[in-house]
PDB file of all heavy atoms in Angstrom:
ATOM      1  N   GLN A   1      90.476 117.274 119.070  1.00  0.00           N
ATOM      2  CA  GLN A   1      91.847 117.569 118.679  1.00  0.00           C
ATOM      3  C   GLN A   1      92.634 117.910 119.929  1.00  0.00           C
ATOM      4  O   GLN A   1      92.208 118.710 120.750  1.00  0.00           O
ATOM      5  CB  GLN A   1      91.865 118.763 117.725  1.00  0.00           C
ATOM      6  CG  GLN A   1      93.165 118.940 116.979  1.00  0.00           C
ATOM      7  CD  GLN A   1      93.013 120.026 115.943  1.00  0.00           C
ATOM      8  OE1 GLN A   1      92.095 120.823 116.001  1.00  0.00           O
ATOM      9  NE2 GLN A   1      93.898 120.062 114.996  1.00  0.00           N
ATOM     10  N   GLN A   2      93.774 117.284 120.109  1.00  0.00           N
ATOM     11  CA  GLN A   2      94.557 117.467 121.317  1.00  0.00           C
ATOM     12  C   GLN A   2      95.770 118.354 121.105  1.00  0.00           C
ATOM     13  O   GLN A   2      96.406 118.734 122.072  1.00  0.00           O
ATOM     14  CB  GLN A   2      95.033 116.117 121.849  1.00  0.00           C
ATOM     15  CG  GLN A   2      93.912 115.291 122.458  1.00  0.00           C
ATOM     16  CD  GLN A   2      94.440 114.042 123.099  1.00  0.00           C
ATOM     17  OE1 GLN A   2      95.344 113.414 122.572  1.00  0.00           O
ATOM     18  NE2 GLN A   2      93.883 113.674 124.215  1.00  0.00           N
ATOM     19  N   MET A   3      96.119 118.643 119.901  1.00  0.00           N
ATOM     20  CA  MET A   3      97.292 119.463 119.662  1.00  0.00           C
ATOM     21  C   MET A   3      97.046 120.374 118.484  1.00  0.00           C
ATOM     22  O   MET A   3      96.075 120.210 117.760  1.00  0.00           O
ATOM     23  CB  MET A   3      98.543 118.596 119.442  1.00  0.00           C
ATOM     24  CG  MET A   3      98.587 117.831 118.127  1.00  0.00           C
ATOM     25  SD  MET A   3      97.370 116.532 117.976  1.00  0.00           S
ATOM     26  CE  MET A   3      97.916 115.459 119.282  1.00  0.00           C
ATOM     27  N   GLY A   4      97.868 121.343 118.298  1.00  0.00           N
ATOM     28  CA  GLY A   4      97.707 122.280 117.193  1.00  0.00           C
ATOM     29  C   GLY A   4      99.047 122.771 116.725  1.00  0.00           C
ATOM     30  O   GLY A   4     100.079 122.332 117.175  1.00  0.00           O
ATOM     31  N   GLY A   5      99.014 123.737 115.828  1.00  0.00           N
ATOM     32  CA  GLY A   5     100.275 124.262 115.302  1.00  0.00           C
ATOM     33  C   GLY A   5     100.453 123.854 113.860  1.00  0.00           C
ATOM     34  O   GLY A   5      99.500 123.573 113.138  1.00  0.00           O
ATOM     35  N   GLY A   6     101.669 123.802 113.420  1.00  0.00           N
ATOM     36  CA  GLY A   6     101.944 123.420 112.047  1.00  0.00           C
ATOM     37  C   GLY A   6     103.329 123.842 111.642  1.00  0.00           C
ATOM     38  O   GLY A   6     104.141 124.274 112.452  1.00  0.00           O
ATOM     39  N   GLY A   7     103.625 123.710 110.369  1.00  0.00           N
ATOM     40  CA  GLY A   7     104.948 124.067 109.871  1.00  0.00           C
ATOM     41  C   GLY A   7     104.999 124.036 108.368  1.00  0.00           C
ATOM     42  O   GLY A   7     104.046 123.664 107.686  1.00  0.00           O
ATOM     43  N   GLY A   8     106.112 124.432 107.844  1.00  0.00           N
ATOM     44  CA  GLY A   8     106.317 124.455 106.403  1.00  0.00           C
ATOM     45  C   GLY A   8     107.763 124.783 106.111  1.00  0.00           C
ATOM     46  O   GLY A   8     108.570 125.005 107.014  1.00  0.00           O
ATOM     47  N   GLY A   9     108.097 124.810 104.848  1.00  0.00           N
ATOM     48  CA  GLY A   9     109.485 125.097 104.479  1.00  0.00           C
ATOM     49  C   GLY A   9     109.661 125.150 102.983  1.00  0.00           C
ATOM     50  O   GLY A   9     108.707 125.325 102.233  1.00  0.00           O
ATOM     51  N   GLY A  10     110.894 124.979 102.563  1.00  0.00           N
ATOM     52  CA  GLY A  10     111.229 125.013 101.156  1.00  0.00           C
ATOM     53  C   GLY A  10     112.534 125.746 100.922  1.00  0.00           C
ATOM     54  O   GLY A  10     113.159 126.281 101.846  1.00  0.00           O
ATOM     55  N   ASP A  11     112.976 125.758  99.662  1.00  0.00           N
ATOM     56  CA  ASP A  11     114.215 126.450  99.297  1.00  0.00           C
ATOM     57  C   ASP A  11     113.999 127.339  98.072  1.00  0.00           C
ATOM     58  O   ASP A  11     114.886 127.486  97.237  1.00  0.00           O
ATOM     59  CB  ASP A  11     115.339 125.443  99.048  1.00  0.00           C
ATOM     60  CG  ASP A  11     114.990 124.437  97.953  1.00  0.00           C
ATOM     61  OD1 ASP A  11     113.874 124.528  97.376  1.00  0.00           O
ATOM     62  OD2 ASP A  11     115.822 123.570  97.662  1.00  0.00           O
ATOM     63  N   ASN A  12     112.793 127.921  97.972  1.00  0.00           N
ATOM     64  CA  ASN A  12     112.447 128.810  96.854  1.00  0.00           C
ATOM     65  C   ASN A  12     112.536 128.111  95.499  1.00  0.00           C
ATOM     66  O   ASN A  12     112.890 128.723  94.484  1.00  0.00           O
ATOM     67  CB  ASN A  12     113.355 130.050  96.861  1.00  0.00           C
ATOM     68  CG  ASN A  12     113.224 130.850  98.134  1.00  0.00           C
ATOM     69  OD1 ASN A  12     112.125 131.161  98.564  1.00  0.00           O
ATOM     70  ND2 ASN A  12     114.341 131.184  98.758  1.00  0.00           N
ATOM     71  N   SER A  13     112.187 126.846  95.478  1.00  0.00           N
ATOM     72  CA  SER A  13     112.210 126.092  94.231  1.00  0.00           C
ATOM     73  C   SER A  13     110.987 126.462  93.379  1.00  0.00           C
ATOM     74  O   SER A  13     109.903 126.687  93.921  1.00  0.00           O
ATOM     75  CB  SER A  13     112.223 124.593  94.522  1.00  0.00           C
ATOM     76  OG  SER A  13     112.081 123.842  93.330  1.00  0.00           O
ATOM     77  N   PRO A  14     111.117 126.500  92.069  1.00  0.00           N
ATOM     78  CA  PRO A  14     109.943 126.793  91.230  1.00  0.00           C
ATOM     79  C   PRO A  14     108.958 125.637  91.172  1.00  0.00           C
ATOM     80  O   PRO A  14     107.808 125.821  90.762  1.00  0.00           O
ATOM     81  CB  PRO A  14     110.553 127.081  89.854  1.00  0.00           C
ATOM     82  CG  PRO A  14     111.855 126.342  89.860  1.00  0.00           C
ATOM     83  CD  PRO A  14     112.352 126.387  91.263  1.00  0.00           C
ATOM     84  N   LEU A  15     109.375 124.438  91.588  1.00  0.00           N
ATOM     85  CA  LEU A  15     108.513 123.254  91.545  1.00  0.00           C
ATOM     86  C   LEU A  15     107.829 123.060  92.887  1.00  0.00           C
ATOM     87  O   LEU A  15     108.377 123.418  93.931  1.00  0.00           O
ATOM     88  CB  LEU A  15     109.329 122.011  91.214  1.00  0.00           C
ATOM     89  CG  LEU A  15     110.042 122.013  89.853  1.00  0.00           C
ATOM     90  CD1 LEU A  15     110.888 120.750  89.710  1.00  0.00           C
ATOM     91  CD2 LEU A  15     109.025 122.111  88.717  1.00  0.00           C
ATOM     92  N   PRO A  16     106.617 122.509  92.908  1.00  0.00           N
ATOM     93  CA  PRO A  16     105.959 122.231  94.183  1.00  0.00           C
ATOM     94  C   PRO A  16     106.681 121.120  94.940  1.00  0.00           C
ATOM     95  O   PRO A  16     107.483 120.368  94.373  1.00  0.00           O
ATOM     96  CB  PRO A  16     104.549 121.805  93.763  1.00  0.00           C
ATOM     97  CG  PRO A  16     104.700 121.290  92.377  1.00  0.00           C
ATOM     98  CD  PRO A  16     105.788 122.130  91.751  1.00  0.00           C
ATOM     99  N   ALA A  17     106.409 121.047  96.231  1.00  0.00           N
ATOM    100  CA  ALA A  17     107.047 120.024  97.060  1.00  0.00           C
ATOM    101  C   ALA A  17     106.689 118.640  96.552  1.00  0.00           C
ATOM    102  O   ALA A  17     105.549 118.369  96.159  1.00  0.00           O
ATOM    103  CB  ALA A  17     106.613 120.188  98.511  1.00  0.00           C
ATOM    104  N   SER A  18     107.670 117.749  96.577  1.00  0.00           N
ATOM    105  CA  SER A  18     107.459 116.394  96.057  1.00  0.00           C
ATOM    106  C   SER A  18     106.951 115.468  97.152  1.00  0.00           C
ATOM    107  O   SER A  18     107.096 115.733  98.342  1.00  0.00           O
ATOM    108  CB  SER A  18     108.776 115.856  95.491  1.00  0.00           C
ATOM    109  OG  SER A  18     109.795 115.886  96.466  1.00  0.00           O
ATOM    110  N   LYS A  19     106.345 114.372  96.711  1.00  0.00           N
ATOM    111  CA  LYS A  19     105.786 113.390  97.628  1.00  0.00           C
ATOM    112  C   LYS A  19     106.902 112.556  98.234  1.00  0.00           C
ATOM    113  O   LYS A  19     107.902 112.242  97.576  1.00  0.00           O
ATOM    114  CB  LYS A  19     104.794 112.494  96.891  1.00  0.00           C
ATOM    115  CG  LYS A  19     103.935 111.605  97.781  1.00  0.00           C
ATOM    116  CD  LYS A  19     102.968 110.807  96.943  1.00  0.00           C
ATOM    117  CE  LYS A  19     102.006 109.993  97.803  1.00  0.00           C
ATOM    118  NZ  LYS A  19     101.095 110.841  98.585  1.00  0.00           N
ATOM    119  N   GLY A  20     106.748 112.183  99.494  1.00  0.00           N
ATOM    120  CA  GLY A  20     107.744 111.352 100.164  1.00  0.00           C
ATOM    121  C   GLY A  20     107.310 111.082 101.587  1.00  0.00           C
ATOM    122  O   GLY A  20     106.245 111.501 102.039  1.00  0.00           O
ATOM    123  N   ARG A  21     108.142 110.367 102.293  1.00  0.00           N
ATOM    124  CA  ARG A  21     107.809 110.035 103.681  1.00  0.00           C
ATOM    125  C   ARG A  21     108.277 111.151 104.608  1.00  0.00           C
ATOM    126  O   ARG A  21     109.270 111.845 104.334  1.00  0.00           O
ATOM    127  CB  ARG A  21     108.434 108.701 104.079  1.00  0.00           C
ATOM    128  CG  ARG A  21     109.955 108.673 104.067  1.00  0.00           C
ATOM    129  CD  ARG A  21     110.453 107.256 104.328  1.00  0.00           C
ATOM    130  NE  ARG A  21     111.909 107.188 104.277  1.00  0.00           N
ATOM    131  CZ  ARG A  21     112.693 107.265 105.362  1.00  0.00           C
ATOM    132  NH1 ARG A  21     112.137 107.425 106.553  1.00  0.00           N
ATOM    133  NH2 ARG A  21     114.008 107.178 105.242  1.00  0.00           N
ATOM    134  N   ALA A  22     107.545 111.330 105.692  1.00  0.00           N
ATOM    135  CA  ALA A  22     107.878 112.354 106.681  1.00  0.00           C
ATOM    136  C   ALA A  22     108.883 111.800 107.678  1.00  0.00           C
ATOM    137  O   ALA A  22     108.864 110.606 107.994  1.00  0.00           O
ATOM    138  CB  ALA A  22     106.621 112.818 107.402  1.00  0.00           C
ATOM    139  N   PRO A  23     109.776 112.638 108.196  1.00  0.00           N
ATOM    140  CA  PRO A  23     110.723 112.159 109.214  1.00  0.00           C
ATOM    141  C   PRO A  23     110.015 111.904 110.530  1.00  0.00           C
ATOM    142  O   PRO A  23     108.838 112.222 110.702  1.00  0.00           O
ATOM    143  CB  PRO A  23     111.731 113.302 109.312  1.00  0.00           C
ATOM    144  CG  PRO A  23     110.970 114.503 108.901  1.00  0.00           C
ATOM    145  CD  PRO A  23     109.981 114.044 107.860  1.00  0.00           C
ATOM    146  N   LYS A  24     110.740 111.348 111.458  1.00  0.00           N
ATOM    147  CA  LYS A  24     110.122 111.017 112.747  1.00  0.00           C
ATOM    148  C   LYS A  24     109.878 112.280 113.568  1.00  0.00           C
ATOM    149  O   LYS A  24     110.513 113.315 113.376  1.00  0.00           O
ATOM    150  CB  LYS A  24     111.013 110.042 113.524  1.00  0.00           C
ATOM    151  CG  LYS A  24     112.318 110.644 114.003  1.00  0.00           C
ATOM    152  CD  LYS A  24     113.092 109.632 114.848  1.00  0.00           C
ATOM    153  CE  LYS A  24     114.370 110.250 115.427  1.00  0.00           C
ATOM    154  NZ  LYS A  24     115.109 109.278 116.265  1.00  0.00           N
ATOM    155  N   ALA A  25     108.926 112.159 114.487  1.00  0.00           N
ATOM    156  CA  ALA A  25     108.586 113.282 115.363  1.00  0.00           C
ATOM    157  C   ALA A  25     109.547 113.343 116.535  1.00  0.00           C
ATOM    158  O   ALA A  25     110.034 112.315 117.022  1.00  0.00           O
ATOM    159  CB  ALA A  25     107.157 113.129 115.868  1.00  0.00           C
TER     160      ALA A  25
END
């Protein structure tokens, strides 16, 4: 593994995050 870290987010929605494509790095 060459890198580490991570992330997350949301807007306090009662529903779990939906499936979709990730934006570019």
